[in-house]
N, C-alpha and C. Protein backbone atom coordinates (compact mmCIF):
# COMPACT_ATOMS: atom_id res chain seq x y z
N MET A 1 9.61 -13.31 -8.28
CA MET A 1 8.29 -13.14 -8.85
C MET A 1 8.45 -12.35 -10.15
N THR A 2 8.09 -12.93 -11.27
CA THR A 2 8.18 -12.21 -12.53
C THR A 2 6.87 -12.24 -13.31
N THR A 3 5.85 -12.84 -12.78
CA THR A 3 4.56 -12.89 -13.45
C THR A 3 3.56 -12.05 -12.67
N GLN A 4 2.94 -11.14 -13.38
CA GLN A 4 1.91 -10.30 -12.77
C GLN A 4 0.74 -11.18 -12.37
N PRO A 5 0.32 -11.13 -11.13
CA PRO A 5 -0.82 -11.97 -10.72
C PRO A 5 -2.14 -11.42 -11.25
N VAL A 6 -3.08 -12.31 -11.41
CA VAL A 6 -4.47 -11.95 -11.65
C VAL A 6 -5.22 -12.48 -10.44
N LEU A 7 -5.83 -11.59 -9.69
CA LEU A 7 -6.51 -11.94 -8.45
C LEU A 7 -8.00 -11.72 -8.64
N GLU A 8 -8.80 -12.53 -7.95
CA GLU A 8 -10.25 -12.37 -8.04
C GLU A 8 -10.87 -12.37 -6.66
N THR A 9 -11.91 -11.56 -6.52
CA THR A 9 -12.73 -11.55 -5.32
C THR A 9 -14.16 -11.83 -5.78
N THR A 10 -15.10 -11.73 -4.90
CA THR A 10 -16.49 -12.00 -5.26
C THR A 10 -16.95 -11.12 -6.42
N ARG A 11 -16.70 -9.82 -6.33
CA ARG A 11 -17.21 -8.89 -7.35
C ARG A 11 -16.12 -8.31 -8.25
N LEU A 12 -14.86 -8.48 -7.87
CA LEU A 12 -13.79 -7.74 -8.54
C LEU A 12 -12.74 -8.65 -9.14
N GLY A 13 -12.07 -8.13 -10.14
CA GLY A 13 -10.86 -8.71 -10.67
C GLY A 13 -9.73 -7.72 -10.46
N LEU A 14 -8.57 -8.20 -10.11
CA LEU A 14 -7.37 -7.37 -10.01
C LEU A 14 -6.41 -7.94 -11.04
N ARG A 15 -6.24 -7.24 -12.14
CA ARG A 15 -5.47 -7.74 -13.27
C ARG A 15 -4.40 -6.72 -13.64
N PRO A 16 -3.45 -7.13 -14.48
CA PRO A 16 -2.47 -6.16 -14.95
C PRO A 16 -3.15 -5.03 -15.74
N PHE A 17 -2.58 -3.84 -15.65
CA PHE A 17 -3.07 -2.75 -16.49
C PHE A 17 -2.67 -3.01 -17.94
N ARG A 18 -3.51 -2.51 -18.84
CA ARG A 18 -3.25 -2.59 -20.27
C ARG A 18 -3.17 -1.17 -20.82
N ARG A 19 -2.53 -1.01 -21.96
CA ARG A 19 -2.47 0.30 -22.60
C ARG A 19 -3.87 0.85 -22.84
N ALA A 20 -4.82 -0.02 -23.13
CA ALA A 20 -6.20 0.41 -23.38
C ALA A 20 -6.85 1.03 -22.13
N ASP A 21 -6.24 0.82 -20.95
CA ASP A 21 -6.75 1.41 -19.72
C ASP A 21 -6.36 2.88 -19.56
N ALA A 22 -5.45 3.37 -20.40
CA ALA A 22 -4.94 4.73 -20.24
C ALA A 22 -6.04 5.80 -20.31
N PRO A 23 -6.93 5.79 -21.33
CA PRO A 23 -7.96 6.84 -21.35
C PRO A 23 -8.86 6.85 -20.10
N PRO A 24 -9.37 5.68 -19.64
CA PRO A 24 -10.17 5.76 -18.42
C PRO A 24 -9.35 6.15 -17.19
N ILE A 25 -8.07 5.79 -17.14
CA ILE A 25 -7.24 6.22 -16.01
C ILE A 25 -7.17 7.73 -15.98
N ARG A 26 -6.91 8.35 -17.14
CA ARG A 26 -6.82 9.81 -17.19
C ARG A 26 -8.12 10.45 -16.69
N GLN A 27 -9.24 9.89 -17.11
CA GLN A 27 -10.53 10.44 -16.72
C GLN A 27 -10.82 10.19 -15.23
N LEU A 28 -10.65 8.96 -14.80
CA LEU A 28 -11.05 8.58 -13.45
C LEU A 28 -10.08 9.05 -12.38
N ALA A 29 -8.79 8.79 -12.59
CA ALA A 29 -7.79 9.19 -11.60
C ALA A 29 -7.61 10.69 -11.59
N GLY A 30 -8.00 11.34 -12.69
CA GLY A 30 -7.85 12.79 -12.77
C GLY A 30 -8.88 13.57 -11.97
N ALA A 31 -9.82 12.89 -11.36
CA ALA A 31 -10.82 13.59 -10.54
C ALA A 31 -10.13 14.26 -9.35
N ARG A 32 -10.57 15.44 -9.03
CA ARG A 32 -9.99 16.21 -7.92
C ARG A 32 -10.01 15.40 -6.62
N GLU A 33 -11.10 14.65 -6.37
CA GLU A 33 -11.22 13.88 -5.13
C GLU A 33 -10.13 12.82 -5.01
N ILE A 34 -9.74 12.22 -6.13
CA ILE A 34 -8.68 11.21 -6.11
C ILE A 34 -7.34 11.87 -5.84
N ALA A 35 -7.05 12.94 -6.54
CA ALA A 35 -5.79 13.66 -6.35
C ALA A 35 -5.65 14.16 -4.91
N ASP A 36 -6.74 14.64 -4.33
CA ASP A 36 -6.70 15.16 -2.97
C ASP A 36 -6.40 14.07 -1.94
N MET A 37 -6.79 12.84 -2.23
CA MET A 37 -6.66 11.76 -1.25
C MET A 37 -5.42 10.89 -1.46
N THR A 38 -4.65 11.15 -2.49
CA THR A 38 -3.46 10.34 -2.78
C THR A 38 -2.22 11.22 -2.79
N LEU A 39 -1.08 10.56 -2.77
CA LEU A 39 0.18 11.30 -2.79
C LEU A 39 0.73 11.49 -4.20
N SER A 40 0.46 10.55 -5.08
CA SER A 40 1.16 10.57 -6.36
C SER A 40 0.30 10.88 -7.58
N ILE A 41 -0.98 11.10 -7.39
CA ILE A 41 -1.85 11.36 -8.53
C ILE A 41 -2.09 12.86 -8.63
N PRO A 42 -1.66 13.47 -9.75
CA PRO A 42 -1.81 14.92 -9.91
C PRO A 42 -3.19 15.31 -10.43
N HIS A 43 -3.55 16.56 -10.21
CA HIS A 43 -4.75 17.14 -10.81
C HIS A 43 -4.38 18.51 -11.33
N PRO A 44 -4.63 18.80 -12.57
CA PRO A 44 -5.21 17.91 -13.57
C PRO A 44 -4.23 16.81 -13.97
N TYR A 45 -4.78 15.72 -14.45
CA TYR A 45 -3.96 14.57 -14.83
C TYR A 45 -3.33 14.86 -16.19
N PRO A 46 -2.00 14.81 -16.28
CA PRO A 46 -1.33 15.18 -17.53
C PRO A 46 -1.60 14.21 -18.68
N ALA A 47 -1.63 14.74 -19.89
CA ALA A 47 -1.76 13.91 -21.08
C ALA A 47 -0.58 12.95 -21.15
N ARG A 48 -0.81 11.75 -21.54
CA ARG A 48 0.17 10.68 -21.72
C ARG A 48 0.80 10.17 -20.41
N ALA A 49 0.40 10.73 -19.29
CA ALA A 49 0.95 10.25 -18.01
C ALA A 49 0.48 8.83 -17.71
N ALA A 50 -0.74 8.49 -18.07
CA ALA A 50 -1.25 7.15 -17.81
C ALA A 50 -0.46 6.12 -18.60
N GLU A 51 -0.19 6.41 -19.86
CA GLU A 51 0.61 5.48 -20.68
C GLU A 51 2.01 5.30 -20.09
N ALA A 52 2.62 6.42 -19.70
CA ALA A 52 3.97 6.34 -19.12
C ALA A 52 3.96 5.53 -17.83
N TRP A 53 2.93 5.72 -17.01
CA TRP A 53 2.82 4.98 -15.75
C TRP A 53 2.63 3.49 -16.02
N ILE A 54 1.74 3.14 -16.95
CA ILE A 54 1.52 1.73 -17.29
C ILE A 54 2.81 1.10 -17.81
N ASP A 55 3.59 1.85 -18.58
CA ASP A 55 4.85 1.33 -19.13
C ASP A 55 5.88 1.01 -18.05
N THR A 56 5.75 1.59 -16.85
CA THR A 56 6.70 1.30 -15.77
C THR A 56 6.39 -0.02 -15.06
N HIS A 57 5.20 -0.55 -15.22
CA HIS A 57 4.78 -1.73 -14.46
C HIS A 57 5.65 -2.96 -14.68
N PRO A 58 6.01 -3.32 -15.92
CA PRO A 58 6.89 -4.49 -16.07
C PRO A 58 8.24 -4.31 -15.38
N THR A 59 8.79 -3.11 -15.42
CA THR A 59 10.06 -2.84 -14.76
C THR A 59 9.91 -2.93 -13.25
N ASP A 60 8.82 -2.36 -12.71
CA ASP A 60 8.56 -2.46 -11.27
C ASP A 60 8.47 -3.92 -10.84
N LEU A 61 7.80 -4.71 -11.65
CA LEU A 61 7.62 -6.13 -11.33
C LEU A 61 8.96 -6.85 -11.31
N GLU A 62 9.80 -6.56 -12.30
CA GLU A 62 11.10 -7.24 -12.42
C GLU A 62 12.11 -6.76 -11.39
N THR A 63 12.21 -5.45 -11.19
CA THR A 63 13.29 -4.91 -10.36
C THR A 63 12.92 -4.77 -8.89
N ALA A 64 11.71 -4.30 -8.62
CA ALA A 64 11.33 -4.03 -7.23
C ALA A 64 10.24 -4.96 -6.73
N GLY A 65 9.78 -5.84 -7.58
CA GLY A 65 8.71 -6.73 -7.15
C GLY A 65 7.40 -6.03 -6.97
N GLY A 66 7.26 -4.82 -7.50
CA GLY A 66 6.03 -4.09 -7.37
C GLY A 66 4.93 -4.65 -8.24
N VAL A 67 3.74 -4.74 -7.70
CA VAL A 67 2.59 -5.27 -8.42
C VAL A 67 1.53 -4.17 -8.48
N HIS A 68 1.20 -3.75 -9.70
CA HIS A 68 0.14 -2.76 -9.94
C HIS A 68 -1.03 -3.50 -10.55
N CYS A 69 -2.21 -3.35 -9.96
CA CYS A 69 -3.39 -4.05 -10.47
C CYS A 69 -4.49 -3.06 -10.81
N ALA A 70 -5.09 -3.28 -11.98
CA ALA A 70 -6.32 -2.58 -12.32
C ALA A 70 -7.43 -3.26 -11.52
N VAL A 71 -8.22 -2.48 -10.81
CA VAL A 71 -9.37 -3.02 -10.09
C VAL A 71 -10.57 -2.85 -11.00
N VAL A 72 -11.15 -3.98 -11.39
CA VAL A 72 -12.26 -3.95 -12.35
C VAL A 72 -13.44 -4.75 -11.80
N LEU A 73 -14.63 -4.34 -12.22
CA LEU A 73 -15.81 -5.16 -11.95
C LEU A 73 -15.69 -6.40 -12.81
N ARG A 74 -15.77 -7.57 -12.20
CA ARG A 74 -15.50 -8.82 -12.92
C ARG A 74 -16.42 -9.04 -14.11
N ARG A 75 -17.68 -8.77 -13.96
CA ARG A 75 -18.64 -9.09 -15.03
C ARG A 75 -18.39 -8.31 -16.31
N GLU A 76 -18.05 -7.03 -16.18
CA GLU A 76 -17.89 -6.22 -17.39
C GLU A 76 -16.50 -5.67 -17.60
N ASP A 77 -15.53 -6.07 -16.77
CA ASP A 77 -14.15 -5.58 -16.88
C ASP A 77 -14.11 -4.05 -16.87
N LEU A 78 -14.97 -3.44 -16.07
CA LEU A 78 -15.04 -1.99 -15.96
C LEU A 78 -14.04 -1.52 -14.92
N LEU A 79 -13.12 -0.65 -15.32
CA LEU A 79 -12.10 -0.13 -14.44
C LEU A 79 -12.73 0.80 -13.40
N ILE A 80 -12.50 0.48 -12.11
CA ILE A 80 -13.04 1.34 -11.04
C ILE A 80 -11.94 1.80 -10.08
N GLY A 81 -10.69 1.41 -10.33
CA GLY A 81 -9.63 1.85 -9.45
C GLY A 81 -8.34 1.10 -9.69
N ALA A 82 -7.46 1.22 -8.72
CA ALA A 82 -6.15 0.58 -8.79
C ALA A 82 -5.76 0.09 -7.41
N GLY A 83 -4.99 -0.97 -7.39
CA GLY A 83 -4.43 -1.49 -6.15
C GLY A 83 -2.98 -1.85 -6.41
N ALA A 84 -2.18 -1.76 -5.39
CA ALA A 84 -0.75 -2.03 -5.59
C ALA A 84 -0.12 -2.58 -4.33
N LEU A 85 0.88 -3.39 -4.54
CA LEU A 85 1.78 -3.84 -3.49
C LEU A 85 3.16 -3.47 -4.02
N LEU A 86 3.74 -2.44 -3.45
CA LEU A 86 4.95 -1.83 -4.01
C LEU A 86 6.14 -1.94 -3.08
N GLY A 87 7.30 -1.65 -3.65
CA GLY A 87 8.53 -1.59 -2.86
C GLY A 87 8.80 -2.88 -2.11
N ILE A 88 8.52 -3.99 -2.73
CA ILE A 88 8.72 -5.27 -2.04
C ILE A 88 10.20 -5.49 -1.80
N ASP A 89 10.54 -5.62 -0.55
CA ASP A 89 11.91 -5.86 -0.13
C ASP A 89 12.01 -7.33 0.27
N ARG A 90 12.69 -8.10 -0.53
CA ARG A 90 12.78 -9.54 -0.29
C ARG A 90 13.67 -9.87 0.91
N ASP A 91 14.69 -9.07 1.16
CA ASP A 91 15.57 -9.34 2.30
C ASP A 91 14.86 -9.16 3.63
N ASP A 92 14.16 -8.05 3.77
CA ASP A 92 13.45 -7.78 5.01
C ASP A 92 11.98 -8.17 4.95
N ALA A 93 11.53 -8.67 3.80
CA ALA A 93 10.20 -9.26 3.60
C ALA A 93 9.06 -8.32 3.95
N TYR A 94 9.06 -7.14 3.32
CA TYR A 94 7.95 -6.21 3.50
C TYR A 94 7.57 -5.58 2.17
N GLY A 95 6.37 -5.02 2.13
CA GLY A 95 5.88 -4.30 0.97
C GLY A 95 4.83 -3.30 1.40
N GLU A 96 4.55 -2.37 0.52
CA GLU A 96 3.60 -1.29 0.82
C GLU A 96 2.31 -1.47 0.03
N LEU A 97 1.20 -1.42 0.71
CA LEU A 97 -0.13 -1.54 0.12
C LEU A 97 -0.66 -0.16 -0.22
N GLY A 98 -1.25 -0.04 -1.40
CA GLY A 98 -1.90 1.22 -1.80
C GLY A 98 -3.07 0.93 -2.69
N TYR A 99 -4.00 1.87 -2.78
CA TYR A 99 -5.15 1.71 -3.65
C TYR A 99 -5.82 3.06 -3.86
N TRP A 100 -6.65 3.13 -4.89
CA TRP A 100 -7.64 4.19 -5.05
C TRP A 100 -8.84 3.60 -5.79
N ILE A 101 -10.00 4.09 -5.44
CA ILE A 101 -11.26 3.68 -6.06
C ILE A 101 -11.96 4.95 -6.51
N VAL A 102 -12.57 4.92 -7.70
CA VAL A 102 -13.21 6.13 -8.23
C VAL A 102 -14.47 6.48 -7.44
N VAL A 103 -14.77 7.76 -7.42
CA VAL A 103 -15.82 8.32 -6.56
C VAL A 103 -17.17 7.61 -6.69
N PRO A 104 -17.68 7.31 -7.89
CA PRO A 104 -19.01 6.67 -7.94
C PRO A 104 -19.07 5.30 -7.25
N PHE A 105 -17.92 4.72 -6.93
CA PHE A 105 -17.89 3.40 -6.30
C PHE A 105 -17.45 3.45 -4.83
N TRP A 106 -17.36 4.65 -4.27
CA TRP A 106 -17.05 4.80 -2.86
C TRP A 106 -18.23 4.30 -2.02
N LYS A 107 -17.92 3.87 -0.81
CA LYS A 107 -18.91 3.48 0.21
C LYS A 107 -19.77 2.29 -0.23
N GLN A 108 -19.20 1.40 -1.02
CA GLN A 108 -19.91 0.19 -1.44
C GLN A 108 -19.09 -1.07 -1.12
N GLY A 109 -18.01 -0.91 -0.37
CA GLY A 109 -17.20 -2.04 0.03
C GLY A 109 -16.16 -2.49 -1.00
N PHE A 110 -16.05 -1.78 -2.12
CA PHE A 110 -15.11 -2.19 -3.15
C PHE A 110 -13.65 -2.02 -2.70
N ALA A 111 -13.35 -0.95 -1.99
CA ALA A 111 -11.97 -0.73 -1.52
C ALA A 111 -11.55 -1.85 -0.58
N THR A 112 -12.39 -2.20 0.36
CA THR A 112 -12.07 -3.28 1.30
C THR A 112 -11.91 -4.60 0.56
N GLU A 113 -12.82 -4.88 -0.35
CA GLU A 113 -12.76 -6.14 -1.10
C GLU A 113 -11.48 -6.22 -1.94
N ALA A 114 -11.14 -5.14 -2.62
CA ALA A 114 -9.93 -5.14 -3.45
C ALA A 114 -8.67 -5.27 -2.61
N THR A 115 -8.63 -4.56 -1.49
CA THR A 115 -7.41 -4.57 -0.70
C THR A 115 -7.21 -5.86 0.08
N TRP A 116 -8.25 -6.65 0.32
CA TRP A 116 -8.06 -7.96 0.95
C TRP A 116 -7.20 -8.85 0.06
N ALA A 117 -7.40 -8.76 -1.24
CA ALA A 117 -6.70 -9.65 -2.17
C ALA A 117 -5.20 -9.39 -2.20
N LEU A 118 -4.78 -8.16 -2.04
CA LEU A 118 -3.35 -7.84 -2.16
C LEU A 118 -2.51 -8.35 -1.00
N PRO A 119 -2.89 -8.14 0.26
CA PRO A 119 -2.09 -8.73 1.34
C PRO A 119 -2.11 -10.26 1.30
N ARG A 120 -3.26 -10.83 0.96
CA ARG A 120 -3.33 -12.29 0.85
C ARG A 120 -2.27 -12.77 -0.15
N PHE A 121 -2.20 -12.12 -1.30
CA PHE A 121 -1.19 -12.46 -2.30
C PHE A 121 0.22 -12.22 -1.74
N GLY A 122 0.44 -11.06 -1.12
CA GLY A 122 1.77 -10.70 -0.62
C GLY A 122 2.30 -11.64 0.45
N PHE A 123 1.42 -12.12 1.29
CA PHE A 123 1.86 -13.03 2.34
C PHE A 123 2.05 -14.46 1.82
N GLU A 124 1.42 -14.79 0.69
CA GLU A 124 1.53 -16.15 0.15
C GLU A 124 2.60 -16.27 -0.93
N GLN A 125 2.62 -15.36 -1.91
CA GLN A 125 3.54 -15.50 -3.05
C GLN A 125 4.96 -15.03 -2.74
N PRO A 126 5.15 -13.72 -2.52
CA PRO A 126 6.52 -13.32 -2.19
C PRO A 126 6.88 -13.62 -0.74
N GLU A 127 5.92 -14.19 0.00
CA GLU A 127 6.12 -14.58 1.39
C GLU A 127 6.64 -13.42 2.24
N LEU A 128 5.90 -12.33 2.20
CA LEU A 128 6.26 -11.17 3.00
C LEU A 128 5.99 -11.44 4.47
N HIS A 129 6.68 -10.72 5.31
CA HIS A 129 6.48 -10.80 6.76
C HIS A 129 5.61 -9.64 7.25
N ARG A 130 5.75 -8.48 6.58
CA ARG A 130 5.03 -7.28 7.02
C ARG A 130 4.55 -6.50 5.81
N ILE A 131 3.34 -6.00 5.90
CA ILE A 131 2.80 -5.10 4.89
C ILE A 131 2.40 -3.82 5.62
N PHE A 132 2.78 -2.69 5.01
CA PHE A 132 2.43 -1.41 5.61
C PHE A 132 1.68 -0.56 4.60
N ALA A 133 1.03 0.45 5.09
CA ALA A 133 0.29 1.39 4.25
C ALA A 133 0.29 2.73 4.97
N HIS A 134 0.12 3.77 4.20
CA HIS A 134 -0.02 5.09 4.81
C HIS A 134 -0.96 5.95 3.97
N HIS A 135 -1.51 6.97 4.61
CA HIS A 135 -2.40 7.89 3.91
C HIS A 135 -2.20 9.29 4.44
N VAL A 136 -2.58 10.27 3.63
CA VAL A 136 -2.55 11.64 4.11
C VAL A 136 -3.57 11.76 5.23
N ALA A 137 -3.27 12.59 6.20
CA ALA A 137 -4.13 12.70 7.38
C ALA A 137 -5.56 13.11 7.01
N GLY A 138 -5.74 13.79 5.90
CA GLY A 138 -7.06 14.22 5.48
C GLY A 138 -7.89 13.15 4.80
N ASN A 139 -7.39 11.91 4.78
CA ASN A 139 -8.11 10.80 4.13
C ASN A 139 -8.35 9.67 5.13
N PRO A 140 -9.14 9.91 6.17
CA PRO A 140 -9.36 8.87 7.18
C PRO A 140 -10.07 7.63 6.64
N ALA A 141 -10.78 7.74 5.51
CA ALA A 141 -11.46 6.57 4.95
C ALA A 141 -10.45 5.50 4.58
N PHE A 142 -9.28 5.89 4.09
CA PHE A 142 -8.23 4.92 3.78
C PHE A 142 -7.86 4.15 5.04
N GLY A 143 -7.70 4.84 6.14
CA GLY A 143 -7.36 4.20 7.40
C GLY A 143 -8.42 3.22 7.86
N ARG A 144 -9.69 3.57 7.66
CA ARG A 144 -10.77 2.65 8.04
C ARG A 144 -10.72 1.38 7.20
N VAL A 145 -10.40 1.51 5.91
CA VAL A 145 -10.32 0.34 5.03
C VAL A 145 -9.19 -0.57 5.48
N VAL A 146 -7.99 -0.03 5.67
CA VAL A 146 -6.87 -0.91 6.02
C VAL A 146 -7.01 -1.47 7.43
N ALA A 147 -7.71 -0.76 8.31
CA ALA A 147 -7.96 -1.30 9.65
C ALA A 147 -8.83 -2.55 9.58
N LYS A 148 -9.75 -2.59 8.60
CA LYS A 148 -10.59 -3.79 8.42
C LYS A 148 -9.75 -4.99 8.03
N LEU A 149 -8.59 -4.76 7.45
CA LEU A 149 -7.69 -5.85 7.06
C LEU A 149 -6.80 -6.29 8.21
N GLY A 150 -6.87 -5.56 9.30
CA GLY A 150 -6.03 -5.90 10.44
C GLY A 150 -4.79 -5.04 10.56
N LEU A 151 -4.61 -4.07 9.67
CA LEU A 151 -3.47 -3.18 9.80
C LEU A 151 -3.72 -2.26 10.99
N ARG A 152 -2.69 -2.10 11.80
CA ARG A 152 -2.80 -1.25 12.98
C ARG A 152 -2.00 0.02 12.79
N GLN A 153 -2.54 1.11 13.31
CA GLN A 153 -1.83 2.37 13.20
C GLN A 153 -0.55 2.29 14.02
N VAL A 154 0.55 2.64 13.39
CA VAL A 154 1.84 2.59 14.09
C VAL A 154 2.43 3.97 14.29
N GLY A 155 1.78 4.97 13.78
CA GLY A 155 2.24 6.30 14.10
C GLY A 155 2.04 7.31 13.00
N PRO A 156 1.97 8.56 13.43
CA PRO A 156 1.92 9.63 12.45
C PRO A 156 3.34 10.00 12.00
N LEU A 157 3.43 10.43 10.78
CA LEU A 157 4.69 10.94 10.24
C LEU A 157 4.43 12.43 9.97
N ARG A 158 4.95 13.27 10.83
CA ARG A 158 4.62 14.69 10.80
C ARG A 158 5.22 15.40 9.60
N GLN A 159 4.37 16.13 8.89
CA GLN A 159 4.75 16.91 7.71
C GLN A 159 5.74 16.15 6.84
N TYR A 160 5.36 14.94 6.49
CA TYR A 160 6.24 13.98 5.84
C TYR A 160 6.41 14.20 4.34
N VAL A 161 5.35 14.68 3.70
CA VAL A 161 5.42 14.87 2.24
C VAL A 161 4.91 16.24 1.85
N ARG A 162 5.48 16.73 0.77
CA ARG A 162 5.00 17.99 0.22
C ARG A 162 3.84 17.68 -0.71
N LYS A 163 2.76 18.43 -0.53
CA LYS A 163 1.60 18.28 -1.39
C LYS A 163 1.10 19.68 -1.69
N GLY A 164 1.19 20.06 -2.95
CA GLY A 164 0.81 21.42 -3.32
C GLY A 164 1.78 22.41 -2.71
N GLU A 165 1.23 23.39 -2.04
CA GLU A 165 2.04 24.45 -1.44
C GLU A 165 2.53 24.14 -0.03
N GLY A 166 2.00 23.08 0.57
CA GLY A 166 2.36 22.80 1.96
C GLY A 166 2.84 21.39 2.16
N TYR A 167 2.88 20.98 3.42
CA TYR A 167 3.31 19.64 3.80
C TYR A 167 2.14 18.91 4.44
N GLU A 168 2.09 17.62 4.22
CA GLU A 168 1.02 16.79 4.76
C GLU A 168 1.57 15.80 5.77
N ASN A 169 0.83 15.59 6.83
CA ASN A 169 1.13 14.50 7.75
C ASN A 169 0.66 13.20 7.12
N LEU A 170 1.38 12.14 7.37
CA LEU A 170 0.95 10.81 6.94
C LEU A 170 0.61 9.99 8.18
N VAL A 171 -0.35 9.11 8.03
CA VAL A 171 -0.70 8.17 9.09
C VAL A 171 -0.28 6.81 8.57
N GLN A 172 0.53 6.09 9.35
CA GLN A 172 1.08 4.82 8.88
C GLN A 172 0.48 3.65 9.66
N TYR A 173 0.31 2.54 8.93
CA TYR A 173 -0.27 1.31 9.47
C TYR A 173 0.61 0.14 9.05
N SER A 174 0.51 -0.97 9.79
CA SER A 174 1.19 -2.19 9.35
C SER A 174 0.47 -3.41 9.92
N VAL A 175 0.74 -4.55 9.25
CA VAL A 175 0.22 -5.84 9.71
C VAL A 175 1.29 -6.88 9.43
N LEU A 176 1.43 -7.82 10.34
CA LEU A 176 2.36 -8.93 10.16
C LEU A 176 1.60 -10.13 9.59
N ARG A 177 2.33 -11.00 8.94
CA ARG A 177 1.69 -12.15 8.29
C ARG A 177 0.85 -12.96 9.27
N ASP A 178 1.38 -13.27 10.48
CA ASP A 178 0.61 -14.09 11.41
C ASP A 178 -0.65 -13.37 11.89
N GLU A 179 -0.61 -12.05 12.02
CA GLU A 179 -1.80 -11.28 12.42
C GLU A 179 -2.86 -11.34 11.32
N PHE A 180 -2.44 -11.18 10.08
CA PHE A 180 -3.37 -11.21 8.95
C PHE A 180 -3.99 -12.59 8.81
N THR A 181 -3.16 -13.64 8.93
CA THR A 181 -3.64 -15.02 8.82
C THR A 181 -4.64 -15.33 9.93
N ALA A 182 -4.33 -14.91 11.15
CA ALA A 182 -5.25 -15.14 12.28
C ALA A 182 -6.57 -14.42 12.05
N ARG A 183 -6.52 -13.22 11.52
CA ARG A 183 -7.74 -12.46 11.26
C ARG A 183 -8.59 -13.15 10.19
N LYS A 184 -7.94 -13.65 9.12
CA LYS A 184 -8.67 -14.36 8.08
C LYS A 184 -9.34 -15.60 8.64
N GLN A 185 -8.63 -16.35 9.49
CA GLN A 185 -9.20 -17.56 10.07
C GLN A 185 -10.35 -17.25 10.99
N LEU A 186 -10.23 -16.18 11.77
CA LEU A 186 -11.30 -15.77 12.67
C LEU A 186 -12.55 -15.41 11.87
N GLU A 187 -12.39 -14.68 10.78
CA GLU A 187 -13.55 -14.28 9.98
C GLU A 187 -14.21 -15.50 9.33
N ARG A 188 -13.45 -16.50 8.96
CA ARG A 188 -14.04 -17.71 8.38
C ARG A 188 -14.86 -18.49 9.40
N SER A 189 -14.46 -18.41 10.67
CA SER A 189 -15.15 -19.19 11.70
C SER A 189 -16.39 -18.49 12.24
N GLU A 190 -16.54 -17.19 11.94
CA GLU A 190 -17.72 -16.48 12.43
C GLU A 190 -18.94 -16.85 11.60
N PRO A 191 -20.13 -16.94 12.22
CA PRO A 191 -21.35 -17.29 11.48
C PRO A 191 -21.75 -16.22 10.49
């Protein structure tokens, strides 16, 4: 896979990030609520960090098969978050799902809608067998979103990562291709 996908849902587009996205990334991802709920987003958000992060995307795509998508409202191309399928291992056919959505767009179904597109792509294009995700224990909303996709909790990872002055537990989830496909088919057949 060497071409960044452009994915669409009813309300959202998931497209490659552009350099022009750097200023809104600094503003939006730099919110304390985003930093508190993610592992890799710092607060305050450093100057030029967004540009440096965007510059890594072509390399991630080429070397690790990582796909970083800007989550935008389709009608106005307004950036409201990010979604990713990272660490794609072609030999063992797995990848890691991640996302963040900015605070004004929480609790409106955008996270669920955006994250449906990424596993669908991962199971079809790179033909993954398993997709996993994890979140800090203090972010149960992430777990609720991935559970809607059919990811099942597979266990806590005790004090797995350092965050600030302490260590955070992670909660890990996974879904297999046949489970995800069956769930999609079931939802299509429901009235």
